[in-house]
Amino acid sequence: MRMNRPNLQLFDTASLYFRAFFGLPGSLRAQDGQSVNAVRGLLDFMARFITDYRPTHAAACWDNSWRPAWRVELVPTYKAHRVLAGDVEVVPDELTPQVPLILAVLDALGIAVVGADGFEADDVIATLAARSSMPVEVITGDRDLFQLVDDARSVRVLSVVKGVRNHEVFDETALVAKYGIGGAGYADFATLRGDASDGLPGVAGIGEKTAAKLIADHGDLEGVLAAASAKKLSPALTARLSAGIDYLGPAREVVRVRTDVPLDVTEADLLLPTEPAKPEVFAELADLLNLGGPAERIVAALALNA
């Protein structure tokens, strides 16, 4: 009998398995010699958060389109530095073959994998959070998802930027303490600041502190531009905003996550199992992939919700 209060964990899956791949030794191998550090690490990460926060529901959110064409059309530099020929993402050779293994393991466990063609995991997360009738925890290493933080709707972000063990919990209070703004203003703040890791340059001459102050003082991007137009900002700031005006509109649409992704899932589909959905398949995968402790820990974590 489930005793936990209903709550939903949304995992930014690629963010986590990339972190696992680079954080764990490549010497972790399956029986056939294939590297499985990303698989093992992701399972341990999920087990940690399920154990510590006891969700009743969860989804491994997926990048069906890691660089959607509609975002590239708006800002052509978006993630351009990560592209190989043919718009293929640069991924380490030993990570690529682990991705289907991750999908197979999650399927055997019965943990829902949710994605949608034409959208990133961020958009899937935002849509599921917007739909949720229960409190939501977003687990990610992506700062852009801070825009989802919303105390009124009980949405918070568990940020692994400093590591899974040292993850930080961001509600509105924590977000304001760090940046001076809440979730509602974060996307506009990020648009002004830019993000080199995503190929978004921001407005030249406007850094993080200035961007945060502008949003805190004027509410949103429209308010900032209105203040500039009314000559309420310094001449230097006004000039910088004017120079970046053609960038700001498209970039804002790129930075903002979508909450209208067509997803054919219900909250019932996201109910966490209390044991592997396909126990024999999971046991076989755990053996073949030498998953060891991580396999035991994820099964123990699921059982806590029984």
C-alpha atoms as a PDB file:
ATOM      1  CA  MET A   1       0.000   0.000   0.000  1.00  0.00           C
ATOM      2  CA  ARG A   2       1.468   3.343  -1.067  1.00  0.00           C
ATOM      3  CA  MET A   3       1.797   5.782   1.827  1.00  0.00           C
ATOM      4  CA  ASN A   4       3.777   8.589   0.209  1.00  0.00           C
ATOM      5  CA  ARG A   5       2.031  11.837  -0.676  1.00  0.00           C
ATOM      6  CA  PRO A   6       1.708  11.978  -4.489  1.00  0.00           C
ATOM      7  CA  ASN A   7       4.661  13.763  -6.057  1.00  0.00           C
ATOM      8  CA  LEU A   8       6.375  13.655  -9.430  1.00  0.00           C
ATOM      9  CA  GLN A   9      10.067  13.519 -10.308  1.00  0.00           C
ATOM     10  CA  LEU A  10      11.101  14.577 -13.812  1.00  0.00           C
ATOM     11  CA  PHE A  11      14.605  13.494 -14.804  1.00  0.00           C
ATOM     12  CA  ASP A  12      16.530  15.441 -17.450  1.00  0.00           C
ATOM     13  CA  THR A  13      17.913  12.134 -18.645  1.00  0.00           C
ATOM     14  CA  ALA A  14      20.620  13.182 -21.084  1.00  0.00           C
ATOM     15  CA  SER A  15      21.942  15.782 -18.655  1.00  0.00           C
ATOM     16  CA  LEU A  16      22.336  13.016 -16.086  1.00  0.00           C
ATOM     17  CA  TYR A  17      23.816  10.291 -18.274  1.00  0.00           C
ATOM     18  CA  PHE A  18      26.348  12.713 -19.777  1.00  0.00           C
ATOM     19  CA  ARG A  19      27.361  13.626 -16.223  1.00  0.00           C
ATOM     20  CA  ALA A  20      27.636   9.937 -15.337  1.00  0.00           C
ATOM     21  CA  PHE A  21      29.732   9.216 -18.417  1.00  0.00           C
ATOM     22  CA  PHE A  22      32.271  11.927 -17.652  1.00  0.00           C
ATOM     23  CA  GLY A  23      32.210  11.344 -13.893  1.00  0.00           C
ATOM     24  CA  LEU A  24      32.719   7.585 -13.735  1.00  0.00           C
ATOM     25  CA  PRO A  25      35.687   5.570 -15.030  1.00  0.00           C
ATOM     26  CA  GLY A  26      35.522   4.111 -18.503  1.00  0.00           C
ATOM     27  CA  SER A  27      36.885   0.897 -17.048  1.00  0.00           C
ATOM     28  CA  LEU A  28      33.336  -0.031 -15.965  1.00  0.00           C
ATOM     29  CA  ARG A  29      32.519  -2.622 -18.616  1.00  0.00           C
ATOM     30  CA  ALA A  30      29.830  -5.087 -19.620  1.00  0.00           C
ATOM     31  CA  GLN A  31      30.625  -8.776 -20.113  1.00  0.00           C
ATOM     32  CA  ASP A  32      31.313  -8.102 -23.799  1.00  0.00           C
ATOM     33  CA  GLY A  33      33.754  -5.297 -22.947  1.00  0.00           C
ATOM     34  CA  GLN A  34      31.465  -2.390 -23.785  1.00  0.00           C
ATOM     35  CA  SER A  35      31.673   0.643 -21.520  1.00  0.00           C
ATOM     36  CA  VAL A  36      28.665   0.975 -19.203  1.00  0.00           C
ATOM     37  CA  ASN A  37      29.669   3.877 -16.966  1.00  0.00           C
ATOM     38  CA  ALA A  38      26.765   6.059 -18.169  1.00  0.00           C
ATOM     39  CA  VAL A  39      24.246   3.264 -17.573  1.00  0.00           C
ATOM     40  CA  ARG A  40      25.539   2.513 -14.086  1.00  0.00           C
ATOM     41  CA  GLY A  41      25.832   6.174 -13.146  1.00  0.00           C
ATOM     42  CA  LEU A  42      22.331   7.066 -14.322  1.00  0.00           C
ATOM     43  CA  LEU A  43      20.838   4.202 -12.299  1.00  0.00           C
ATOM     44  CA  ASP A  44      22.710   5.330  -9.200  1.00  0.00           C
ATOM     45  CA  PHE A  45      21.602   8.939  -9.700  1.00  0.00           C
ATOM     46  CA  MET A  46      17.976   7.908 -10.067  1.00  0.00           C
ATOM     47  CA  ALA A  47      18.195   5.580  -7.080  1.00  0.00           C
ATOM     48  CA  ARG A  48      19.633   8.408  -4.992  1.00  0.00           C
ATOM     49  CA  PHE A  49      16.839  10.863  -5.788  1.00  0.00           C
ATOM     50  CA  ILE A  50      14.062   8.279  -5.523  1.00  0.00           C
ATOM     51  CA  THR A  51      15.411   7.146  -2.148  1.00  0.00           C
ATOM     52  CA  ASP A  52      15.910  10.640  -0.745  1.00  0.00           C
ATOM     53  CA  TYR A  53      12.675  12.244  -2.002  1.00  0.00           C
ATOM     54  CA  ARG A  54      10.290   9.264  -2.289  1.00  0.00           C
ATOM     55  CA  PRO A  55       8.358  10.207  -5.444  1.00  0.00           C
ATOM     56  CA  THR A  56       5.222   8.271  -6.301  1.00  0.00           C
ATOM     57  CA  HIS A  57       5.506   9.145  -9.992  1.00  0.00           C
ATOM     58  CA  ALA A  58       8.485   9.728 -12.289  1.00  0.00           C
ATOM     59  CA  ALA A  59       9.506  10.176 -15.912  1.00  0.00           C
ATOM     60  CA  ALA A  60      12.838   9.893 -17.656  1.00  0.00           C
ATOM     61  CA  CYS A  61      12.410  12.834 -20.037  1.00  0.00           C
ATOM     62  CA  TRP A  62      14.059  12.400 -23.413  1.00  0.00           C
ATOM     63  CA  ASP A  63      15.617  14.557 -26.129  1.00  0.00           C
ATOM     64  CA  ASN A  64      13.865  13.211 -29.213  1.00  0.00           C
ATOM     65  CA  SER A  65      15.238  16.326 -30.943  1.00  0.00           C
ATOM     66  CA  TRP A  66      18.299  17.686 -29.163  1.00  0.00           C
ATOM     67  CA  ARG A  67      18.479  20.752 -31.461  1.00  0.00           C
ATOM     68  CA  PRO A  68      14.963  21.410 -32.786  1.00  0.00           C
ATOM     69  CA  ALA A  69      14.779  23.040 -36.217  1.00  0.00           C
ATOM     70  CA  TRP A  70      12.371  25.705 -34.974  1.00  0.00           C
ATOM     71  CA  ARG A  71      14.901  26.878 -32.378  1.00  0.00           C
ATOM     72  CA  VAL A  72      17.735  26.891 -34.935  1.00  0.00           C
ATOM     73  CA  GLU A  73      15.574  28.914 -37.326  1.00  0.00           C
ATOM     74  CA  LEU A  74      15.121  31.542 -34.617  1.00  0.00           C
ATOM     75  CA  VAL A  75      18.806  31.614 -33.554  1.00  0.00           C
ATOM     76  CA  PRO A  76      21.120  29.789 -36.010  1.00  0.00           C
ATOM     77  CA  THR A  77      23.988  29.643 -33.499  1.00  0.00           C
ATOM     78  CA  TYR A  78      21.887  27.562 -31.108  1.00  0.00           C
ATOM     79  CA  LYS A  79      24.062  24.582 -30.098  1.00  0.00           C
ATOM     80  CA  ALA A  80      25.945  24.994 -33.395  1.00  0.00           C
ATOM     81  CA  HIS A  81      29.301  24.318 -31.718  1.00  0.00           C
ATOM     82  CA  ARG A  82      28.090  20.811 -30.789  1.00  0.00           C
ATOM     83  CA  VAL A  83      27.214  19.790 -34.341  1.00  0.00           C
ATOM     84  CA  LEU A  84      28.939  17.281 -36.596  1.00  0.00           C
ATOM     85  CA  ALA A  85      28.178  16.994 -40.310  1.00  0.00           C
ATOM     86  CA  GLY A  86      24.501  16.376 -40.956  1.00  0.00           C
ATOM     87  CA  ASP A  87      23.360  18.122 -37.779  1.00  0.00           C
ATOM     88  CA  VAL A  88      24.444  15.165 -35.638  1.00  0.00           C
ATOM     89  CA  GLU A  89      25.365  15.941 -32.042  1.00  0.00           C
ATOM     90  CA  VAL A  90      28.968  15.500 -30.964  1.00  0.00           C
ATOM     91  CA  VAL A  91      28.836  12.545 -28.563  1.00  0.00           C
ATOM     92  CA  PRO A  92      31.830  10.535 -27.279  1.00  0.00           C
ATOM     93  CA  ASP A  93      32.252   7.238 -29.121  1.00  0.00           C
ATOM     94  CA  GLU A  94      31.883   5.166 -25.962  1.00  0.00           C
ATOM     95  CA  LEU A  95      28.693   6.942 -24.905  1.00  0.00           C
ATOM     96  CA  THR A  96      26.645   6.504 -28.095  1.00  0.00           C
ATOM     97  CA  PRO A  97      26.177   2.708 -27.782  1.00  0.00           C
ATOM     98  CA  GLN A  98      25.155   3.094 -24.139  1.00  0.00           C
ATOM     99  CA  VAL A  99      22.029   5.103 -24.974  1.00  0.00           C
ATOM    100  CA  PRO A 100      19.993   2.126 -26.261  1.00  0.00           C
ATOM    101  CA  LEU A 101      21.153   0.161 -23.216  1.00  0.00           C
ATOM    102  CA  ILE A 102      19.800   2.918 -20.965  1.00  0.00           C
ATOM    103  CA  LEU A 103      16.454   2.721 -22.769  1.00  0.00           C
ATOM    104  CA  ALA A 104      16.383  -1.071 -22.411  1.00  0.00           C
ATOM    105  CA  VAL A 105      17.136  -0.911 -18.687  1.00  0.00           C
ATOM    106  CA  LEU A 106      14.516   1.782 -18.031  1.00  0.00           C
ATOM    107  CA  ASP A 107      11.942  -0.252 -19.980  1.00  0.00           C
ATOM    108  CA  ALA A 108      12.739  -3.374 -17.940  1.00  0.00           C
ATOM    109  CA  LEU A 109      12.361  -1.382 -14.745  1.00  0.00           C
ATOM    110  CA  GLY A 110       9.065   0.112 -15.903  1.00  0.00           C
ATOM    111  CA  ILE A 111      10.180   3.722 -15.483  1.00  0.00           C
ATOM    112  CA  ALA A 112       8.383   5.827 -18.097  1.00  0.00           C
ATOM    113  CA  VAL A 113      10.509   7.369 -20.838  1.00  0.00           C
ATOM    114  CA  VAL A 114       8.780  10.421 -22.308  1.00  0.00           C
ATOM    115  CA  GLY A 115       9.846  12.379 -25.387  1.00  0.00           C
ATOM    116  CA  ALA A 116       8.315  14.056 -28.412  1.00  0.00           C
ATOM    117  CA  ASP A 117       9.667  14.585 -31.914  1.00  0.00           C
ATOM    118  CA  GLY A 118      10.641  18.191 -32.535  1.00  0.00           C
ATOM    119  CA  PHE A 119      11.200  18.959 -28.868  1.00  0.00           C
ATOM    120  CA  GLU A 120      13.928  18.752 -26.261  1.00  0.00           C
ATOM    121  CA  ALA A 121      13.680  17.087 -22.876  1.00  0.00           C
ATOM    122  CA  ASP A 122      13.405  20.585 -21.363  1.00  0.00           C
ATOM    123  CA  ASP A 123      10.117  21.106 -23.216  1.00  0.00           C
ATOM    124  CA  VAL A 124       8.831  17.696 -22.170  1.00  0.00           C
ATOM    125  CA  ILE A 125       9.712  18.468 -18.543  1.00  0.00           C
ATOM    126  CA  ALA A 126       8.005  21.868 -18.724  1.00  0.00           C
ATOM    127  CA  THR A 127       4.860  20.379 -20.241  1.00  0.00           C
ATOM    128  CA  LEU A 128       4.606  17.585 -17.679  1.00  0.00           C
ATOM    129  CA  ALA A 129       5.240  20.070 -14.859  1.00  0.00           C
ATOM    130  CA  ALA A 130       2.532  22.391 -16.197  1.00  0.00           C
ATOM    131  CA  ARG A 131       0.051  19.511 -16.396  1.00  0.00           C
ATOM    132  CA  SER A 132       0.867  18.022 -13.005  1.00  0.00           C
ATOM    133  CA  SER A 133      -1.738  17.887 -10.269  1.00  0.00           C
ATOM    134  CA  MET A 134       0.974  17.085  -7.716  1.00  0.00           C
ATOM    135  CA  PRO A 135       4.214  18.667  -6.482  1.00  0.00           C
ATOM    136  CA  VAL A 136       7.087  18.381  -8.977  1.00  0.00           C
ATOM    137  CA  GLU A 137      10.841  17.975  -8.613  1.00  0.00           C
ATOM    138  CA  VAL A 138      12.945  18.563 -11.733  1.00  0.00           C
ATOM    139  CA  ILE A 139      16.352  16.877 -11.620  1.00  0.00           C
ATOM    140  CA  THR A 140      18.798  18.497 -14.023  1.00  0.00           C
ATOM    141  CA  GLY A 141      22.155  20.085 -14.617  1.00  0.00           C
ATOM    142  CA  ASP A 142      20.600  22.681 -16.946  1.00  0.00           C
ATOM    143  CA  ARG A 143      20.188  26.159 -15.478  1.00  0.00           C
ATOM    144  CA  ASP A 144      17.493  27.081 -18.006  1.00  0.00           C
ATOM    145  CA  LEU A 145      15.018  24.897 -16.135  1.00  0.00           C
ATOM    146  CA  PHE A 146      15.143  27.321 -13.207  1.00  0.00           C
ATOM    147  CA  GLN A 147      12.385  29.132 -15.111  1.00  0.00           C
ATOM    148  CA  LEU A 148      10.033  26.364 -13.946  1.00  0.00           C
ATOM    149  CA  VAL A 149      10.505  27.106 -10.248  1.00  0.00           C
ATOM    150  CA  ASP A 150       7.107  28.049  -8.865  1.00  0.00           C
ATOM    151  CA  ASP A 151       6.207  27.892  -5.185  1.00  0.00           C
ATOM    152  CA  ALA A 152       2.504  28.401  -5.909  1.00  0.00           C
ATOM    153  CA  ARG A 153       2.461  25.211  -7.966  1.00  0.00           C
ATOM    154  CA  SER A 154       5.032  23.376  -5.804  1.00  0.00           C
ATOM    155  CA  VAL A 155       7.588  23.056  -8.610  1.00  0.00           C
ATOM    156  CA  ARG A 156      11.226  23.081  -7.590  1.00  0.00           C
ATOM    157  CA  VAL A 157      14.517  22.187  -9.259  1.00  0.00           C
ATOM    158  CA  LEU A 158      17.096  19.801  -7.828  1.00  0.00           C
ATOM    159  CA  SER A 159      20.232  21.090  -9.517  1.00  0.00           C
ATOM    160  CA  VAL A 160      23.193  18.748  -9.998  1.00  0.00           C
ATOM    161  CA  VAL A 161      25.496  21.475 -11.335  1.00  0.00           C
ATOM    162  CA  LYS A 162      27.689  20.931  -8.247  1.00  0.00           C
ATOM    163  CA  GLY A 163      27.266  17.165  -8.399  1.00  0.00           C
ATOM    164  CA  VAL A 164      24.570  14.700  -7.422  1.00  0.00           C
ATOM    165  CA  ARG A 165      25.842  14.276  -3.875  1.00  0.00           C
ATOM    166  CA  ASN A 166      26.036  18.060  -3.455  1.00  0.00           C
ATOM    167  CA  HIS A 167      22.868  18.869  -5.377  1.00  0.00           C
ATOM    168  CA  GLU A 168      21.049  22.073  -4.533  1.00  0.00           C
ATOM    169  CA  VAL A 169      17.300  22.441  -4.027  1.00  0.00           C
ATOM    170  CA  PHE A 170      15.890  25.540  -5.700  1.00  0.00           C
ATOM    171  CA  ASP A 171      12.546  26.939  -4.680  1.00  0.00           C
ATOM    172  CA  GLU A 172      11.707  30.632  -5.117  1.00  0.00           C
ATOM    173  CA  THR A 173      13.606  31.634  -1.974  1.00  0.00           C
ATOM    174  CA  ALA A 174      16.783  29.852  -3.041  1.00  0.00           C
ATOM    175  CA  LEU A 175      16.541  31.175  -6.595  1.00  0.00           C
ATOM    176  CA  VAL A 176      16.100  34.772  -5.437  1.00  0.00           C
ATOM    177  CA  ALA A 177      19.003  34.336  -3.008  1.00  0.00           C
ATOM    178  CA  LYS A 178      21.273  33.174  -5.848  1.00  0.00           C
ATOM    179  CA  TYR A 179      20.180  35.401  -8.732  1.00  0.00           C
ATOM    180  CA  GLY A 180      17.956  38.098  -7.283  1.00  0.00           C
ATOM    181  CA  ILE A 181      14.981  36.920  -9.340  1.00  0.00           C
ATOM    182  CA  GLY A 182      12.364  34.175  -9.173  1.00  0.00           C
ATOM    183  CA  GLY A 183      11.326  31.536 -11.677  1.00  0.00           C
ATOM    184  CA  ALA A 184       8.965  33.819 -13.583  1.00  0.00           C
ATOM    185  CA  GLY A 185      11.790  36.180 -14.507  1.00  0.00           C
ATOM    186  CA  TYR A 186      14.494  33.616 -15.142  1.00  0.00           C
ATOM    187  CA  ALA A 187      13.970  33.082 -18.897  1.00  0.00           C
ATOM    188  CA  ASP A 188      14.207  36.824 -19.633  1.00  0.00           C
ATOM    189  CA  PHE A 189      17.239  37.098 -17.365  1.00  0.00           C
ATOM    190  CA  ALA A 190      18.879  34.187 -19.210  1.00  0.00           C
ATOM    191  CA  THR A 191      18.027  35.764 -22.577  1.00  0.00           C
ATOM    192  CA  LEU A 192      19.840  38.970 -21.633  1.00  0.00           C
ATOM    193  CA  ARG A 193      22.785  37.140 -20.066  1.00  0.00           C
ATOM    194  CA  GLY A 194      23.182  34.504 -22.766  1.00  0.00           C
ATOM    195  CA  ASP A 195      24.642  31.023 -22.428  1.00  0.00           C
ATOM    196  CA  ALA A 196      27.796  30.138 -24.332  1.00  0.00           C
ATOM    197  CA  SER A 197      27.212  26.422 -23.715  1.00  0.00           C
ATOM    198  CA  ASP A 198      24.065  26.664 -25.858  1.00  0.00           C
ATOM    199  CA  GLY A 199      25.476  29.043 -28.466  1.00  0.00           C
ATOM    200  CA  LEU A 200      23.443  31.971 -27.156  1.00  0.00           C
ATOM    201  CA  PRO A 201      25.642  35.072 -26.934  1.00  0.00           C
ATOM    202  CA  GLY A 202      23.264  37.283 -24.952  1.00  0.00           C
ATOM    203  CA  VAL A 203      23.385  41.052 -25.203  1.00  0.00           C
ATOM    204  CA  ALA A 204      26.966  42.258 -25.534  1.00  0.00           C
ATOM    205  CA  GLY A 205      28.090  44.112 -22.428  1.00  0.00           C
ATOM    206  CA  ILE A 206      25.293  42.803 -20.183  1.00  0.00           C
ATOM    207  CA  GLY A 207      26.506  40.181 -17.747  1.00  0.00           C
ATOM    208  CA  GLU A 208      24.738  38.122 -15.119  1.00  0.00           C
ATOM    209  CA  LYS A 209      24.524  40.773 -12.390  1.00  0.00           C
ATOM    210  CA  THR A 210      23.293  43.498 -14.719  1.00  0.00           C
ATOM    211  CA  ALA A 211      20.762  41.170 -16.355  1.00  0.00           C
ATOM    212  CA  ALA A 212      19.404  40.114 -12.964  1.00  0.00           C
ATOM    213  CA  LYS A 213      19.091  43.712 -11.769  1.00  0.00           C
ATOM    214  CA  LEU A 214      17.308  44.772 -14.951  1.00  0.00           C
ATOM    215  CA  ILE A 215      14.707  42.010 -14.586  1.00  0.00           C
ATOM    216  CA  ALA A 216      14.356  42.532 -10.835  1.00  0.00           C
ATOM    217  CA  ASP A 217      13.819  46.268 -11.334  1.00  0.00           C
ATOM    218  CA  HIS A 218      11.561  46.143 -14.395  1.00  0.00           C
ATOM    219  CA  GLY A 219       9.778  42.794 -14.171  1.00  0.00           C
ATOM    220  CA  ASP A 220      10.386  41.322 -17.600  1.00  0.00           C
ATOM    221  CA  LEU A 221      12.000  41.985 -20.969  1.00  0.00           C
ATOM    222  CA  GLU A 222       9.173  44.264 -22.091  1.00  0.00           C
ATOM    223  CA  GLY A 223       9.624  46.296 -18.922  1.00  0.00           C
ATOM    224  CA  VAL A 224      13.363  46.564 -19.486  1.00  0.00           C
ATOM    225  CA  LEU A 225      12.916  47.741 -23.084  1.00  0.00           C
ATOM    226  CA  ALA A 226      10.201  50.177 -22.026  1.00  0.00           C
ATOM    227  CA  ALA A 227      12.555  51.639 -19.406  1.00  0.00           C
ATOM    228  CA  ALA A 228      15.247  52.009 -22.063  1.00  0.00           C
ATOM    229  CA  SER A 229      12.797  53.699 -24.426  1.00  0.00           C
ATOM    230  CA  ALA A 230      11.717  56.090 -21.653  1.00  0.00           C
ATOM    231  CA  LYS A 231      15.368  56.942 -20.971  1.00  0.00           C
ATOM    232  CA  LYS A 232      15.176  55.502 -17.462  1.00  0.00           C
ATOM    233  CA  LEU A 233      18.370  53.518 -17.991  1.00  0.00           C
ATOM    234  CA  SER A 234      21.916  54.762 -18.414  1.00  0.00           C
ATOM    235  CA  PRO A 235      22.935  55.759 -21.948  1.00  0.00           C
ATOM    236  CA  ALA A 236      25.418  52.871 -22.027  1.00  0.00           C
ATOM    237  CA  LEU A 237      22.782  50.276 -21.107  1.00  0.00           C
ATOM    238  CA  THR A 238      20.294  51.769 -23.531  1.00  0.00           C
ATOM    239  CA  ALA A 239      22.865  51.576 -26.314  1.00  0.00           C
ATOM    240  CA  ARG A 240      23.646  47.929 -25.513  1.00  0.00           C
ATOM    241  CA  LEU A 241      19.982  46.964 -25.518  1.00  0.00           C
ATOM    242  CA  SER A 242      19.412  48.838 -28.757  1.00  0.00           C
ATOM    243  CA  ALA A 243      22.318  47.019 -30.389  1.00  0.00           C
ATOM    244  CA  GLY A 244      20.875  43.661 -29.288  1.00  0.00           C
ATOM    245  CA  ILE A 245      17.234  44.334 -30.120  1.00  0.00           C
ATOM    246  CA  ASP A 246      17.131  42.059 -33.182  1.00  0.00           C
ATOM    247  CA  TYR A 247      18.567  39.210 -31.107  1.00  0.00           C
ATOM    248  CA  LEU A 248      16.360  39.537 -28.040  1.00  0.00           C
ATOM    249  CA  GLY A 249      12.995  38.526 -29.503  1.00  0.00           C
ATOM    250  CA  PRO A 250      14.106  35.296 -31.195  1.00  0.00           C
ATOM    251  CA  ALA A 251      16.468  34.393 -28.359  1.00  0.00           C
ATOM    252  CA  ARG A 252      13.678  34.756 -25.828  1.00  0.00           C
ATOM    253  CA  GLU A 253      11.607  32.178 -27.720  1.00  0.00           C
ATOM    254  CA  VAL A 254      14.594  29.828 -27.826  1.00  0.00           C
ATOM    255  CA  VAL A 255      15.304  30.131 -24.099  1.00  0.00           C
ATOM    256  CA  ARG A 256      11.712  29.764 -22.993  1.00  0.00           C
ATOM    257  CA  VAL A 257      10.700  26.153 -22.549  1.00  0.00           C
ATOM    258  CA  ARG A 258       7.484  25.005 -24.189  1.00  0.00           C
ATOM    259  CA  THR A 259       4.584  23.869 -22.056  1.00  0.00           C
ATOM    260  CA  ASP A 260       2.375  22.737 -24.939  1.00  0.00           C
ATOM    261  CA  VAL A 261       4.231  19.659 -26.190  1.00  0.00           C
ATOM    262  CA  PRO A 262       1.774  17.024 -27.468  1.00  0.00           C
ATOM    263  CA  LEU A 263       2.352  14.124 -25.080  1.00  0.00           C
ATOM    264  CA  ASP A 264       0.179  11.050 -25.112  1.00  0.00           C
ATOM    265  CA  VAL A 265       0.739  10.191 -21.440  1.00  0.00           C
ATOM    266  CA  THR A 266      -1.343  10.508 -18.308  1.00  0.00           C
ATOM    267  CA  GLU A 267      -0.241  10.753 -14.699  1.00  0.00           C
ATOM    268  CA  ALA A 268      -1.223   7.109 -14.312  1.00  0.00           C
ATOM    269  CA  ASP A 269       1.392   6.253 -16.965  1.00  0.00           C
ATOM    270  CA  LEU A 270       4.050   7.886 -14.777  1.00  0.00           C
ATOM    271  CA  LEU A 271       3.325   5.871 -11.635  1.00  0.00           C
ATOM    272  CA  LEU A 272       6.601   4.467 -10.325  1.00  0.00           C
ATOM    273  CA  PRO A 273       6.676   0.684 -10.105  1.00  0.00           C
ATOM    274  CA  THR A 274       7.539  -0.882  -6.766  1.00  0.00           C
ATOM    275  CA  GLU A 275       9.595  -3.577  -8.478  1.00  0.00           C
ATOM    276  CA  PRO A 276      10.965  -4.108 -12.006  1.00  0.00           C
ATOM    277  CA  ALA A 277       8.151  -4.388 -14.531  1.00  0.00           C
ATOM    278  CA  LYS A 278      10.089  -7.104 -16.385  1.00  0.00           C
ATOM    279  CA  PRO A 279      12.111  -8.775 -13.609  1.00  0.00           C
ATOM    280  CA  GLU A 280      13.660 -11.503 -15.751  1.00  0.00           C
ATOM    281  CA  VAL A 281      14.711  -9.033 -18.448  1.00  0.00           C
ATOM    282  CA  PHE A 282      16.123  -6.640 -15.859  1.00  0.00           C
ATOM    283  CA  ALA A 283      18.044  -9.444 -14.128  1.00  0.00           C
ATOM    284  CA  GLU A 284      19.499 -10.544 -17.466  1.00  0.00           C
ATOM    285  CA  LEU A 285      20.532  -6.980 -18.357  1.00  0.00           C
ATOM    286  CA  ALA A 286      22.037  -6.453 -14.902  1.00  0.00           C
ATOM    287  CA  ASP A 287      24.114  -9.605 -15.398  1.00  0.00           C
ATOM    288  CA  LEU A 288      25.187  -8.927 -18.989  1.00  0.00           C
ATOM    289  CA  LEU A 289      26.027  -5.288 -18.278  1.00  0.00           C
ATOM    290  CA  ASN A 290      27.693  -5.942 -14.910  1.00  0.00           C
ATOM    291  CA  LEU A 291      25.398  -3.375 -13.304  1.00  0.00           C
ATOM    292  CA  GLY A 292      26.086  -4.733  -9.834  1.00  0.00           C
ATOM    293  CA  GLY A 293      25.438  -2.253  -6.997  1.00  0.00           C
ATOM    294  CA  PRO A 294      23.539   0.298  -9.103  1.00  0.00           C
ATOM    295  CA  ALA A 295      21.034  -2.394 -10.143  1.00  0.00           C
ATOM    296  CA  GLU A 296      20.531  -3.422  -6.522  1.00  0.00           C
ATOM    297  CA  ARG A 297      20.129   0.191  -5.398  1.00  0.00           C
ATOM    298  CA  ILE A 298      17.521   1.139  -7.995  1.00  0.00           C
ATOM    299  CA  VAL A 299      15.460  -1.957  -7.135  1.00  0.00           C
ATOM    300  CA  ALA A 300      15.726  -1.110  -3.415  1.00  0.00           C
ATOM    301  CA  ALA A 301      14.707   2.486  -4.139  1.00  0.00           C
ATOM    302  CA  LEU A 302      11.589   1.375  -6.018  1.00  0.00           C
ATOM    303  CA  ALA A 303      10.645  -0.989  -3.205  1.00  0.00           C
ATOM    304  CA  LEU A 304      10.519   1.901  -0.738  1.00  0.00           C
ATOM    305  CA  ASN A 305       7.298   3.028  -2.387  1.00  0.00           C
ATOM    306  CA  ALA A 306       5.529  -0.302  -1.910  1.00  0.00           C
END
